[in-house]
Every structure is written in C-alpha cells, then in structure tokens.
C-alpha cells in the first residue's frame, strides 16, 4: 500500500533530499513495505505436512537465532542494559544443545526482545525486514514439530507482525507529511501530487473491513436489530477494550464495519429472545472479512 508514495518520492528526490528527517523516514517506509510483502507471501504458504526438511530448517533457525542473539548482546553491552544481556546471551552451541521445542521457544524470546527496539538496531544489521525473515524461519521450523492448532498460531503471529509493520509505516508517513508541508508554497506541483497520493492511501485505509449478516437459526430469515459488538481479543481472553465498536443489524440482517487495524477480534451478537453468540475473527488491513452470525432462540 505504500509503494506509490515511495515511487513518487524517489522520482522527486531532488526536491525531497534536503527536507529535515525526510530521507530516514522514507527509508523506514521502504523497509516496512518490503517486510509487509514478505509476510503477505508467507501467509499464503501451506505449512501442513512439511517434515522432510526439518534438519535444514532447524539449522537455519539456529544460525539466525544465534546471530541475532550476538547482535543483541553487543547492543546490550554498549548500552549498559544488563537485563537484556541476561535474557539473550545464547550461543550457537547453546541452541544445538536445546531440545527441538526449546529451540523454538528461545528463538521467540530473541524475536520478542528485538521487536520493541528494532528501530534502534539498524546499525547492528537488524531491521523490520530481517525480523520478518526471522519469523518466517521460526514459523517454518514450528511447522515440522506437529504443534496442535499450528495453523491458527501461525496466522496470529503473522497478524501481529503486520499490525506492528503498518503502525511503523504510518508513523513514518506522518513524519514525511510534516516535512512536505515545509515546501507547500515553494514546490506547489510536487505538494499537490504528494497529497493526492496520500489521499488515495487514506481512502484505502478507511475501506470496508467487515461485512456481516445476522440470521435466525430456525427459519434462516435475516434478523434485524441485533446488537453487534466488536472488541480486541487479547491473548485469546475475552477482555473488553476501551473503545468497543457497536452496531445494529439492518432490516435485512446486514451490518458493516470500516477501518479496523490488523488484529484478532471478538464479536458479540445479542438480541432479546435469542442466545448471545460470540465468534473470533481475524482482520488484515486492506482486506474484506465476511462473516455470518446464526442466532438461536432462547428457551426461557
């Protein structure tokens, strides 16, 4: 989704090259866009039944994990972060001694320690793109372990990565917008072109996210006036978020929800005389999720 802005800005590098903080933020946007494309391809992979290359995938993960651990150790030492140093000090020899399942666990620990500070690790060779590659290796290895409900786990991991990347990209875009404002009068043609592209992205972000329908289980007829609540589902526990989205189903049972960030959500459906229904859905930014909620009448 960021490709058009990147192409436009690179084609007008002579105008943007001296803008404060513009080039670094454009670089962040490019890295983020590349990582999003990698994860998009990763989500299309069918991980079921992949066992033949277990040793190859295991060795690849050991090498990536120990390499990232070394880089984190260097960062921790240079910045006097003793807690981080104690959490990631694992060598390649350590990983080779770990059990198959422990390799995955320690790899995820290293990935999770990188994620909040990835912007600080560029000089150490760690970026959003290398993180995506790292997670791809973790997911590939997990697929050989026969973990229960593996498909759902991989999907949630990819969804979390996308949420992080879209937030990173949008922050970079906001900073680029601020810098572009400086040359609004001196470069009017460029400014208008840039704003037009940004407007298109804004429209895409606000496009329909969820399209649903509520139905009576007994008759198959659409249900009007069903209260539809959608909230973020944190760690698979049904917790009420501070900004719930409330809707009512229309005459033909339909309802629409716009502009949902990438994530896993809990949906609740309630109507007098019917049993409350709950379902969990996954939303990817820029894609339409279609659902159907079938409600059964209450016996009381």
C-alpha atoms as a PDB file:
ATOM      1  CA  UNK A   1       0.000   0.000   0.000  1.00  0.00           C
ATOM      2  CA  UNK A   2       2.996   2.296   0.488  1.00  0.00           C
ATOM      3  CA  UNK A   3       4.611   1.574  -2.888  1.00  0.00           C
ATOM      4  CA  UNK A   4       3.055   4.500  -4.764  1.00  0.00           C
ATOM      5  CA  UNK A   5       4.300   7.048  -2.225  1.00  0.00           C
ATOM      6  CA  UNK A   6       7.781   5.523  -2.302  1.00  0.00           C
ATOM      7  CA  UNK A   7       7.931   5.605  -6.107  1.00  0.00           C
ATOM      8  CA  UNK A   8       6.685   9.208  -6.250  1.00  0.00           C
ATOM      9  CA  UNK A   9       9.176  10.437  -3.644  1.00  0.00           C
ATOM     10  CA  UNK A  10      12.125   8.649  -5.233  1.00  0.00           C
ATOM     11  CA  UNK A  11      11.221  10.160  -8.617  1.00  0.00           C
ATOM     12  CA  UNK A  12      11.359  13.601  -6.974  1.00  0.00           C
ATOM     13  CA  UNK A  13      14.485  13.033  -4.891  1.00  0.00           C
ATOM     14  CA  UNK A  14      15.944  16.391  -5.964  1.00  0.00           C
ATOM     15  CA  UNK A  15      13.067  18.106  -4.128  1.00  0.00           C
ATOM     16  CA  UNK A  16      12.964  15.956  -1.002  1.00  0.00           C
ATOM     17  CA  UNK A  17      16.658  15.250  -0.392  1.00  0.00           C
ATOM     18  CA  UNK A  18      17.207  18.319   1.826  1.00  0.00           C
ATOM     19  CA  UNK A  19      13.971  18.137   3.809  1.00  0.00           C
ATOM     20  CA  UNK A  20      14.611  17.529   7.539  1.00  0.00           C
ATOM     21  CA  UNK A  21      14.268  13.852   8.535  1.00  0.00           C
ATOM     22  CA  UNK A  22      12.560  13.021   5.234  1.00  0.00           C
ATOM     23  CA  UNK A  23      15.126  10.591   3.803  1.00  0.00           C
ATOM     24  CA  UNK A  24      15.449   8.498   7.026  1.00  0.00           C
ATOM     25  CA  UNK A  25      11.659   8.163   7.265  1.00  0.00           C
ATOM     26  CA  UNK A  26      11.410   7.270   3.575  1.00  0.00           C
ATOM     27  CA  UNK A  27      13.983   4.518   4.234  1.00  0.00           C
ATOM     28  CA  UNK A  28      11.848   3.206   7.119  1.00  0.00           C
ATOM     29  CA  UNK A  29       8.801   3.200   4.847  1.00  0.00           C
ATOM     30  CA  UNK A  30      10.695   1.233   2.165  1.00  0.00           C
ATOM     31  CA  UNK A  31      11.890  -1.381   4.676  1.00  0.00           C
ATOM     32  CA  UNK A  32       8.410  -1.662   6.141  1.00  0.00           C
ATOM     33  CA  UNK A  33       6.786  -2.074   2.730  1.00  0.00           C
ATOM     34  CA  UNK A  34       9.263  -4.816   1.791  1.00  0.00           C
ATOM     35  CA  UNK A  35       8.592  -6.650   5.074  1.00  0.00           C
ATOM     36  CA  UNK A  36       4.817  -6.446   4.539  1.00  0.00           C
ATOM     37  CA  UNK A  37       5.212  -8.043   1.118  1.00  0.00           C
ATOM     38  CA  UNK A  38       7.330 -10.856   2.585  1.00  0.00           C
ATOM     39  CA  UNK A  39       4.729 -11.614   5.258  1.00  0.00           C
ATOM     40  CA  UNK A  40       1.970 -11.456   2.665  1.00  0.00           C
ATOM     41  CA  UNK A  41       3.713 -14.232   0.750  1.00  0.00           C
ATOM     42  CA  UNK A  42       4.338 -16.102   3.999  1.00  0.00           C
ATOM     43  CA  UNK A  43       0.616 -16.115   4.817  1.00  0.00           C
ATOM     44  CA  UNK A  44      -0.084 -17.909   1.545  1.00  0.00           C
ATOM     45  CA  UNK A  45       2.186 -20.823   2.461  1.00  0.00           C
ATOM     46  CA  UNK A  46       0.538 -24.108   3.403  1.00  0.00           C
ATOM     47  CA  UNK A  47       2.509 -25.386   6.392  1.00  0.00           C
ATOM     48  CA  UNK A  48       0.676 -28.709   6.797  1.00  0.00           C
ATOM     49  CA  UNK A  49       2.711 -31.851   6.383  1.00  0.00           C
ATOM     50  CA  UNK A  50       6.103 -30.142   5.995  1.00  0.00           C
ATOM     51  CA  UNK A  51       8.506 -32.542   7.695  1.00  0.00           C
ATOM     52  CA  UNK A  52      11.117 -33.638   5.148  1.00  0.00           C
ATOM     53  CA  UNK A  53      13.418 -30.654   5.609  1.00  0.00           C
ATOM     54  CA  UNK A  54      13.288 -30.492   9.398  1.00  0.00           C
ATOM     55  CA  UNK A  55      17.064 -30.633   9.931  1.00  0.00           C
ATOM     56  CA  UNK A  56      17.667 -27.963   7.299  1.00  0.00           C
ATOM     57  CA  UNK A  57      15.028 -25.695   8.825  1.00  0.00           C
ATOM     58  CA  UNK A  58      16.396 -26.395  12.303  1.00  0.00           C
ATOM     59  CA  UNK A  59      19.935 -25.434  11.316  1.00  0.00           C
ATOM     60  CA  UNK A  60      18.717 -22.297   9.583  1.00  0.00           C
ATOM     61  CA  UNK A  61      16.816 -21.217  12.702  1.00  0.00           C
ATOM     62  CA  UNK A  62      19.786 -21.960  14.960  1.00  0.00           C
ATOM     63  CA  UNK A  63      22.040 -19.787  12.803  1.00  0.00           C
ATOM     64  CA  UNK A  64      19.560 -16.884  12.654  1.00  0.00           C
ATOM     65  CA  UNK A  65      18.769 -17.096  16.361  1.00  0.00           C
ATOM     66  CA  UNK A  66      22.390 -17.191  17.486  1.00  0.00           C
ATOM     67  CA  UNK A  67      23.327 -14.398  15.060  1.00  0.00           C
ATOM     68  CA  UNK A  68      20.525 -12.149  16.336  1.00  0.00           C
ATOM     69  CA  UNK A  69      21.479 -13.059  19.909  1.00  0.00           C
ATOM     70  CA  UNK A  70      25.074 -11.943  19.259  1.00  0.00           C
ATOM     71  CA  UNK A  71      23.861  -8.633  17.878  1.00  0.00           C
ATOM     72  CA  UNK A  72      21.549  -8.088  20.849  1.00  0.00           C
ATOM     73  CA  UNK A  73      24.381  -8.911  23.255  1.00  0.00           C
ATOM     74  CA  UNK A  74      26.549  -6.272  21.563  1.00  0.00           C
ATOM     75  CA  UNK A  75      23.727  -3.720  21.771  1.00  0.00           C
ATOM     76  CA  UNK A  76      23.107  -4.559  25.430  1.00  0.00           C
ATOM     77  CA  UNK A  77      26.800  -4.242  26.340  1.00  0.00           C
ATOM     78  CA  UNK A  78      27.269  -0.944  24.528  1.00  0.00           C
ATOM     79  CA  UNK A  79      24.170   0.484  26.218  1.00  0.00           C
ATOM     80  CA  UNK A  80      24.723  -0.997  29.678  1.00  0.00           C
ATOM     81  CA  UNK A  81      21.467  -2.978  29.559  1.00  0.00           C
ATOM     82  CA  UNK A  82      22.220  -5.830  31.987  1.00  0.00           C
ATOM     83  CA  UNK A  83      18.675  -7.198  31.963  1.00  0.00           C
ATOM     84  CA  UNK A  84      18.671  -7.623  28.192  1.00  0.00           C
ATOM     85  CA  UNK A  85      22.163  -9.090  28.339  1.00  0.00           C
ATOM     86  CA  UNK A  86      20.963 -11.786  30.727  1.00  0.00           C
ATOM     87  CA  UNK A  87      17.913 -12.600  28.585  1.00  0.00           C
ATOM     88  CA  UNK A  88      19.575 -13.150  25.191  1.00  0.00           C
ATOM     89  CA  UNK A  89      23.092 -14.450  25.868  1.00  0.00           C
ATOM     90  CA  UNK A  90      22.700 -17.731  23.952  1.00  0.00           C
ATOM     91  CA  UNK A  91      25.402 -19.024  21.619  1.00  0.00           C
ATOM     92  CA  UNK A  92      25.077 -21.332  18.618  1.00  0.00           C
ATOM     93  CA  UNK A  93      26.419 -24.135  20.831  1.00  0.00           C
ATOM     94  CA  UNK A  94      23.618 -23.462  23.340  1.00  0.00           C
ATOM     95  CA  UNK A  95      20.992 -23.716  20.616  1.00  0.00           C
ATOM     96  CA  UNK A  96      22.426 -27.011  19.383  1.00  0.00           C
ATOM     97  CA  UNK A  97      22.033 -28.418  22.900  1.00  0.00           C
ATOM     98  CA  UNK A  98      18.412 -27.312  23.260  1.00  0.00           C
ATOM     99  CA  UNK A  99      15.559 -29.734  22.644  1.00  0.00           C
ATOM    100  CA  UNK A 100      13.596 -29.308  19.418  1.00  0.00           C
ATOM    101  CA  UNK A 101      10.773 -27.448  21.159  1.00  0.00           C
ATOM    102  CA  UNK A 102      13.154 -25.331  23.248  1.00  0.00           C
ATOM    103  CA  UNK A 103      14.878 -24.047  20.097  1.00  0.00           C
ATOM    104  CA  UNK A 104      11.570 -22.559  19.019  1.00  0.00           C
ATOM    105  CA  UNK A 105      10.923 -21.076  22.469  1.00  0.00           C
ATOM    106  CA  UNK A 106      14.324 -19.390  22.762  1.00  0.00           C
ATOM    107  CA  UNK A 107      14.129 -18.136  19.180  1.00  0.00           C
ATOM    108  CA  UNK A 108      10.789 -16.476  20.000  1.00  0.00           C
ATOM    109  CA  UNK A 109      12.327 -14.904  23.126  1.00  0.00           C
ATOM    110  CA  UNK A 110      15.025 -13.291  20.983  1.00  0.00           C
ATOM    111  CA  UNK A 111      12.456 -12.170  18.393  1.00  0.00           C
ATOM    112  CA  UNK A 112      10.259 -10.637  21.105  1.00  0.00           C
ATOM    113  CA  UNK A 113      13.199  -8.786  22.696  1.00  0.00           C
ATOM    114  CA  UNK A 114      14.096  -7.269  19.317  1.00  0.00           C
ATOM    115  CA  UNK A 115      10.599  -6.173  18.328  1.00  0.00           C
ATOM    116  CA  UNK A 116      10.156  -3.153  20.683  1.00  0.00           C
ATOM    117  CA  UNK A 117      13.631  -1.773  19.886  1.00  0.00           C
ATOM    118  CA  UNK A 118      14.008  -2.761  16.229  1.00  0.00           C
ATOM    119  CA  UNK A 119      14.386   0.895  15.198  1.00  0.00           C
ATOM    120  CA  UNK A 120      17.480   1.160  17.421  1.00  0.00           C
ATOM    121  CA  UNK A 121      19.190  -1.889  15.928  1.00  0.00           C
ATOM    122  CA  UNK A 122      19.724  -0.816  12.316  1.00  0.00           C
ATOM    123  CA  UNK A 123      23.457  -0.275  12.881  1.00  0.00           C
ATOM    124  CA  UNK A 124      23.632  -3.854  14.148  1.00  0.00           C
ATOM    125  CA  UNK A 125      22.107  -5.273  10.979  1.00  0.00           C
ATOM    126  CA  UNK A 126      18.615  -5.808  12.392  1.00  0.00           C
ATOM    127  CA  UNK A 127      15.618  -4.231  10.643  1.00  0.00           C
ATOM    128  CA  UNK A 128      11.905  -4.856  10.194  1.00  0.00           C
ATOM    129  CA  UNK A 129      12.781  -6.872   7.096  1.00  0.00           C
ATOM    130  CA  UNK A 130      15.277  -9.128   8.919  1.00  0.00           C
ATOM    131  CA  UNK A 131      12.657  -9.590  11.631  1.00  0.00           C
ATOM    132  CA  UNK A 132      10.190 -10.795   9.025  1.00  0.00           C
ATOM    133  CA  UNK A 133      12.806 -13.240   7.722  1.00  0.00           C
ATOM    134  CA  UNK A 134      13.486 -14.401  11.287  1.00  0.00           C
ATOM    135  CA  UNK A 135       9.794 -15.024  11.981  1.00  0.00           C
ATOM    136  CA  UNK A 136       9.462 -16.842   8.670  1.00  0.00           C
ATOM    137  CA  UNK A 137      12.258 -19.197   9.784  1.00  0.00           C
ATOM    138  CA  UNK A 138      10.581 -19.684  13.173  1.00  0.00           C
ATOM    139  CA  UNK A 139       7.248 -20.477  11.534  1.00  0.00           C
ATOM    140  CA  UNK A 140       8.877 -22.861   9.067  1.00  0.00           C
ATOM    141  CA  UNK A 141      10.553 -24.738  11.899  1.00  0.00           C
ATOM    142  CA  UNK A 142       7.375 -24.832  14.014  1.00  0.00           C
ATOM    143  CA  UNK A 143       5.635 -26.474  11.072  1.00  0.00           C
ATOM    144  CA  UNK A 144       7.901 -29.522  11.488  1.00  0.00           C
ATOM    145  CA  UNK A 145       7.028 -30.031  15.149  1.00  0.00           C
ATOM    146  CA  UNK A 146       3.408 -31.059  14.706  1.00  0.00           C
ATOM    147  CA  UNK A 147       2.225 -28.443  17.177  1.00  0.00           C
ATOM    148  CA  UNK A 148      -1.579 -28.630  17.806  1.00  0.00           C
ATOM    149  CA  UNK A 149      -3.584 -25.834  16.234  1.00  0.00           C
ATOM    150  CA  UNK A 150      -0.427 -24.790  14.399  1.00  0.00           C
ATOM    151  CA  UNK A 151      -2.247 -23.079  11.547  1.00  0.00           C
ATOM    152  CA  UNK A 152      -4.102 -20.717  13.884  1.00  0.00           C
ATOM    153  CA  UNK A 153      -0.890 -19.960  15.775  1.00  0.00           C
ATOM    154  CA  UNK A 154       0.998 -19.049  12.615  1.00  0.00           C
ATOM    155  CA  UNK A 155      -1.839 -16.847  11.451  1.00  0.00           C
ATOM    156  CA  UNK A 156      -1.907 -14.942  14.736  1.00  0.00           C
ATOM    157  CA  UNK A 157       1.858 -14.440  14.616  1.00  0.00           C
ATOM    158  CA  UNK A 158       1.711 -13.091  11.070  1.00  0.00           C
ATOM    159  CA  UNK A 159      -1.200 -10.835  12.010  1.00  0.00           C
ATOM    160  CA  UNK A 160       0.772  -9.367  14.933  1.00  0.00           C
ATOM    161  CA  UNK A 161       3.723  -8.729  12.635  1.00  0.00           C
ATOM    162  CA  UNK A 162       1.517  -6.925  10.125  1.00  0.00           C
ATOM    163  CA  UNK A 163      -0.033  -4.774  12.842  1.00  0.00           C
ATOM    164  CA  UNK A 164       3.444  -3.735  14.023  1.00  0.00           C
ATOM    165  CA  UNK A 165       4.612  -3.013  10.464  1.00  0.00           C
ATOM    166  CA  UNK A 166       1.554  -0.956   9.500  1.00  0.00           C
ATOM    167  CA  UNK A 167       1.958   1.115  12.673  1.00  0.00           C
ATOM    168  CA  UNK A 168       5.630   1.650  11.818  1.00  0.00           C
ATOM    169  CA  UNK A 169       4.826   2.632   8.233  1.00  0.00           C
ATOM    170  CA  UNK A 170       2.064   5.024   9.249  1.00  0.00           C
ATOM    171  CA  UNK A 171       4.338   6.755  11.778  1.00  0.00           C
ATOM    172  CA  UNK A 172       6.963   7.249   9.060  1.00  0.00           C
ATOM    173  CA  UNK A 173       4.309   8.636   6.694  1.00  0.00           C
ATOM    174  CA  UNK A 174       3.079  11.108   9.311  1.00  0.00           C
ATOM    175  CA  UNK A 175       6.613  12.452   9.724  1.00  0.00           C
ATOM    176  CA  UNK A 176       7.042  12.661   5.955  1.00  0.00           C
ATOM    177  CA  UNK A 177       3.780  14.620   5.718  1.00  0.00           C
ATOM    178  CA  UNK A 178       5.111  17.136   8.228  1.00  0.00           C
ATOM    179  CA  UNK A 179       8.323  17.613   6.244  1.00  0.00           C
ATOM    180  CA  UNK A 180       6.431  18.009   2.953  1.00  0.00           C
ATOM    181  CA  UNK A 181       4.416  20.861   4.481  1.00  0.00           C
ATOM    182  CA  UNK A 182       7.575  22.960   4.547  1.00  0.00           C
ATOM    183  CA  UNK A 183       7.631  23.227   0.725  1.00  0.00           C
ATOM    184  CA  UNK A 184       3.913  23.665   0.170  1.00  0.00           C
ATOM    185  CA  UNK A 185       4.405  27.124  -1.376  1.00  0.00           C
ATOM    186  CA  UNK A 186       7.860  26.698  -2.934  1.00  0.00           C
ATOM    187  CA  UNK A 187       7.010  23.386  -4.682  1.00  0.00           C
ATOM    188  CA  UNK A 188       3.235  23.553  -5.296  1.00  0.00           C
ATOM    189  CA  UNK A 189       3.103  20.930  -8.091  1.00  0.00           C
ATOM    190  CA  UNK A 190       5.027  18.390  -6.069  1.00  0.00           C
ATOM    191  CA  UNK A 191       2.959  19.143  -2.966  1.00  0.00           C
ATOM    192  CA  UNK A 192      -0.356  18.640  -4.793  1.00  0.00           C
ATOM    193  CA  UNK A 193       0.880  15.385  -6.335  1.00  0.00           C
ATOM    194  CA  UNK A 194       2.058  14.051  -2.982  1.00  0.00           C
ATOM    195  CA  UNK A 195      -1.189  14.980  -1.215  1.00  0.00           C
ATOM    196  CA  UNK A 196      -3.214  13.293  -3.975  1.00  0.00           C
ATOM    197  CA  UNK A 197      -1.352  10.027  -3.431  1.00  0.00           C
ATOM    198  CA  UNK A 198      -1.728  10.285   0.342  1.00  0.00           C
ATOM    199  CA  UNK A 199      -5.460  10.865  -0.097  1.00  0.00           C
ATOM    200  CA  UNK A 200      -5.737   7.607  -2.059  1.00  0.00           C
ATOM    201  CA  UNK A 201      -3.983   5.752   0.763  1.00  0.00           C
ATOM    202  CA  UNK A 202      -6.359   7.356   3.264  1.00  0.00           C
ATOM    203  CA  UNK A 203      -9.343   6.094   1.277  1.00  0.00           C
ATOM    204  CA  UNK A 204      -7.868   2.584   1.235  1.00  0.00           C
ATOM    205  CA  UNK A 205      -7.350   2.641   4.975  1.00  0.00           C
ATOM    206  CA  UNK A 206     -10.966   3.649   5.523  1.00  0.00           C
ATOM    207  CA  UNK A 207     -12.400   0.992   3.235  1.00  0.00           C
ATOM    208  CA  UNK A 208     -14.852  -1.643   4.463  1.00  0.00           C
ATOM    209  CA  UNK A 209     -13.178  -4.068   6.894  1.00  0.00           C
ATOM    210  CA  UNK A 210     -16.012  -6.401   7.956  1.00  0.00           C
ATOM    211  CA  UNK A 211     -19.250  -7.237   6.145  1.00  0.00           C
ATOM    212  CA  UNK A 212     -21.681  -9.442   8.019  1.00  0.00           C
ATOM    213  CA  UNK A 213     -25.225 -10.762   8.289  1.00  0.00           C
ATOM    214  CA  UNK A 214     -27.313 -11.969  11.233  1.00  0.00           C
ATOM    215  CA  UNK A 215     -29.701 -14.886  10.701  1.00  0.00           C
ATOM    216  CA  UNK A 216     -32.374 -16.753  12.679  1.00  0.00           C
ATOM    217  CA  UNK A 217     -31.168 -20.347  13.133  1.00  0.00           C
ATOM    218  CA  UNK A 218     -34.664 -21.850  12.989  1.00  0.00           C
ATOM    219  CA  UNK A 219     -36.080 -20.040   9.959  1.00  0.00           C
ATOM    220  CA  UNK A 220     -32.998 -18.868   8.081  1.00  0.00           C
ATOM    221  CA  UNK A 221     -34.521 -15.387   7.913  1.00  0.00           C
ATOM    222  CA  UNK A 222     -32.403 -12.261   8.429  1.00  0.00           C
ATOM    223  CA  UNK A 223     -32.522 -10.735  11.927  1.00  0.00           C
ATOM    224  CA  UNK A 224     -32.980  -7.008  12.310  1.00  0.00           C
ATOM    225  CA  UNK A 225     -31.897  -5.059  15.403  1.00  0.00           C
ATOM    226  CA  UNK A 226     -29.184  -7.420  16.607  1.00  0.00           C
ATOM    227  CA  UNK A 227     -26.601  -5.619  18.739  1.00  0.00           C
ATOM    228  CA  UNK A 228     -23.169  -6.237  17.263  1.00  0.00           C
ATOM    229  CA  UNK A 229     -20.129  -5.528  19.431  1.00  0.00           C
ATOM    230  CA  UNK A 230     -16.543  -5.944  18.241  1.00  0.00           C
ATOM    231  CA  UNK A 231     -13.579  -5.764  20.623  1.00  0.00           C
ATOM    232  CA  UNK A 232      -9.900  -6.639  20.555  1.00  0.00           C
ATOM    233  CA  UNK A 233      -9.226 -10.163  21.773  1.00  0.00           C
ATOM    234  CA  UNK A 234      -6.040 -10.027  23.858  1.00  0.00           C
ATOM    235  CA  UNK A 235      -4.122 -13.271  24.297  1.00  0.00           C
ATOM    236  CA  UNK A 236      -7.270 -15.271  23.483  1.00  0.00           C
ATOM    237  CA  UNK A 237      -9.001 -13.975  26.630  1.00  0.00           C
ATOM    238  CA  UNK A 238     -12.315 -12.197  26.158  1.00  0.00           C
ATOM    239  CA  UNK A 239     -11.430  -8.749  27.541  1.00  0.00           C
ATOM    240  CA  UNK A 240     -13.436  -5.644  26.928  1.00  0.00           C
ATOM    241  CA  UNK A 241     -11.419  -2.926  25.221  1.00  0.00           C
ATOM    242  CA  UNK A 242     -11.822   0.768  25.994  1.00  0.00           C
ATOM    243  CA  UNK A 243     -13.129   1.552  22.508  1.00  0.00           C
ATOM    244  CA  UNK A 244     -15.704  -1.080  21.582  1.00  0.00           C
ATOM    245  CA  UNK A 245     -17.484  -0.737  18.244  1.00  0.00           C
ATOM    246  CA  UNK A 246     -21.271  -1.033  18.456  1.00  0.00           C
ATOM    247  CA  UNK A 247     -23.598  -1.659  15.523  1.00  0.00           C
ATOM    248  CA  UNK A 248     -27.200  -2.730  14.921  1.00  0.00           C
ATOM    249  CA  UNK A 249     -28.101  -5.111  12.137  1.00  0.00           C
ATOM    250  CA  UNK A 250     -30.333  -3.576   9.461  1.00  0.00           C
ATOM    251  CA  UNK A 251     -33.703  -4.745   8.139  1.00  0.00           C
ATOM    252  CA  UNK A 252     -32.112  -7.481   6.028  1.00  0.00           C
ATOM    253  CA  UNK A 253     -29.776  -8.512   8.841  1.00  0.00           C
ATOM    254  CA  UNK A 254     -26.708  -6.832   7.394  1.00  0.00           C
ATOM    255  CA  UNK A 255     -24.040  -4.713   9.102  1.00  0.00           C
ATOM    256  CA  UNK A 256     -20.745  -3.146   8.015  1.00  0.00           C
ATOM    257  CA  UNK A 257     -17.653  -2.079   9.955  1.00  0.00           C
ATOM    258  CA  UNK A 258     -14.972   0.186   8.497  1.00  0.00           C
ATOM    259  CA  UNK A 259     -11.337   0.966   9.278  1.00  0.00           C
ATOM    260  CA  UNK A 260     -10.238  -1.871  11.548  1.00  0.00           C
ATOM    261  CA  UNK A 261      -6.497  -2.265  12.107  1.00  0.00           C
ATOM    262  CA  UNK A 262      -4.953  -5.669  11.533  1.00  0.00           C
ATOM    263  CA  UNK A 263      -5.694  -7.903  14.515  1.00  0.00           C
ATOM    264  CA  UNK A 264      -7.769 -10.644  16.120  1.00  0.00           C
ATOM    265  CA  UNK A 265     -11.182  -9.533  17.364  1.00  0.00           C
ATOM    266  CA  UNK A 266     -14.027 -10.934  19.421  1.00  0.00           C
ATOM    267  CA  UNK A 267     -17.515 -10.313  18.064  1.00  0.00           C
ATOM    268  CA  UNK A 268     -20.599 -10.491  20.291  1.00  0.00           C
ATOM    269  CA  UNK A 269     -24.182 -10.677  18.987  1.00  0.00           C
ATOM    270  CA  UNK A 270     -27.184 -10.057  21.257  1.00  0.00           C
ATOM    271  CA  UNK A 271     -30.936  -9.707  20.736  1.00  0.00           C
ATOM    272  CA  UNK A 272     -33.847 -10.092  23.130  1.00  0.00           C
ATOM    273  CA  UNK A 273     -35.275 -13.618  22.947  1.00  0.00           C
ATOM    274  CA  UNK A 274     -32.070 -15.081  21.499  1.00  0.00           C
ATOM    275  CA  UNK A 275     -28.976 -16.685  22.978  1.00  0.00           C
ATOM    276  CA  UNK A 276     -25.905 -14.471  22.877  1.00  0.00           C
ATOM    277  CA  UNK A 277     -23.403 -15.563  20.255  1.00  0.00           C
ATOM    278  CA  UNK A 278     -19.656 -14.967  20.207  1.00  0.00           C
ATOM    279  CA  UNK A 279     -17.112 -15.559  17.477  1.00  0.00           C
ATOM    280  CA  UNK A 280     -13.460 -14.740  16.902  1.00  0.00           C
ATOM    281  CA  UNK A 281     -12.339 -13.214  13.601  1.00  0.00           C
ATOM    282  CA  UNK A 282      -9.000 -12.268  12.033  1.00  0.00           C
ATOM    283  CA  UNK A 283      -8.780  -8.964  10.153  1.00  0.00           C
ATOM    284  CA  UNK A 284      -5.985  -7.980   7.764  1.00  0.00           C
ATOM    285  CA  UNK A 285      -5.769  -4.292   6.938  1.00  0.00           C
ATOM    286  CA  UNK A 286      -6.917  -3.598   3.378  1.00  0.00           C
ATOM    287  CA  UNK A 287      -8.851  -6.879   3.087  1.00  0.00           C
ATOM    288  CA  UNK A 288     -12.588  -7.521   3.496  1.00  0.00           C
ATOM    289  CA  UNK A 289     -13.629 -10.116   6.093  1.00  0.00           C
ATOM    290  CA  UNK A 290     -17.101 -11.635   5.530  1.00  0.00           C
ATOM    291  CA  UNK A 291     -18.991 -13.314   8.373  1.00  0.00           C
ATOM    292  CA  UNK A 292     -22.405 -14.824   9.077  1.00  0.00           C
ATOM    293  CA  UNK A 293     -23.837 -14.969  12.608  1.00  0.00           C
ATOM    294  CA  UNK A 294     -26.606 -17.533  13.186  1.00  0.00           C
ATOM    295  CA  UNK A 295     -28.561 -16.887  16.415  1.00  0.00           C
ATOM    296  CA  UNK A 296     -30.703 -19.453  18.205  1.00  0.00           C
ATOM    297  CA  UNK A 297     -33.848 -18.548  20.152  1.00  0.00           C
ATOM    298  CA  UNK A 298     -33.697 -18.731  23.929  1.00  0.00           C
ATOM    299  CA  UNK A 299     -35.807 -21.436  25.601  1.00  0.00           C
ATOM    300  CA  UNK A 300     -36.685 -19.205  28.549  1.00  0.00           C
END
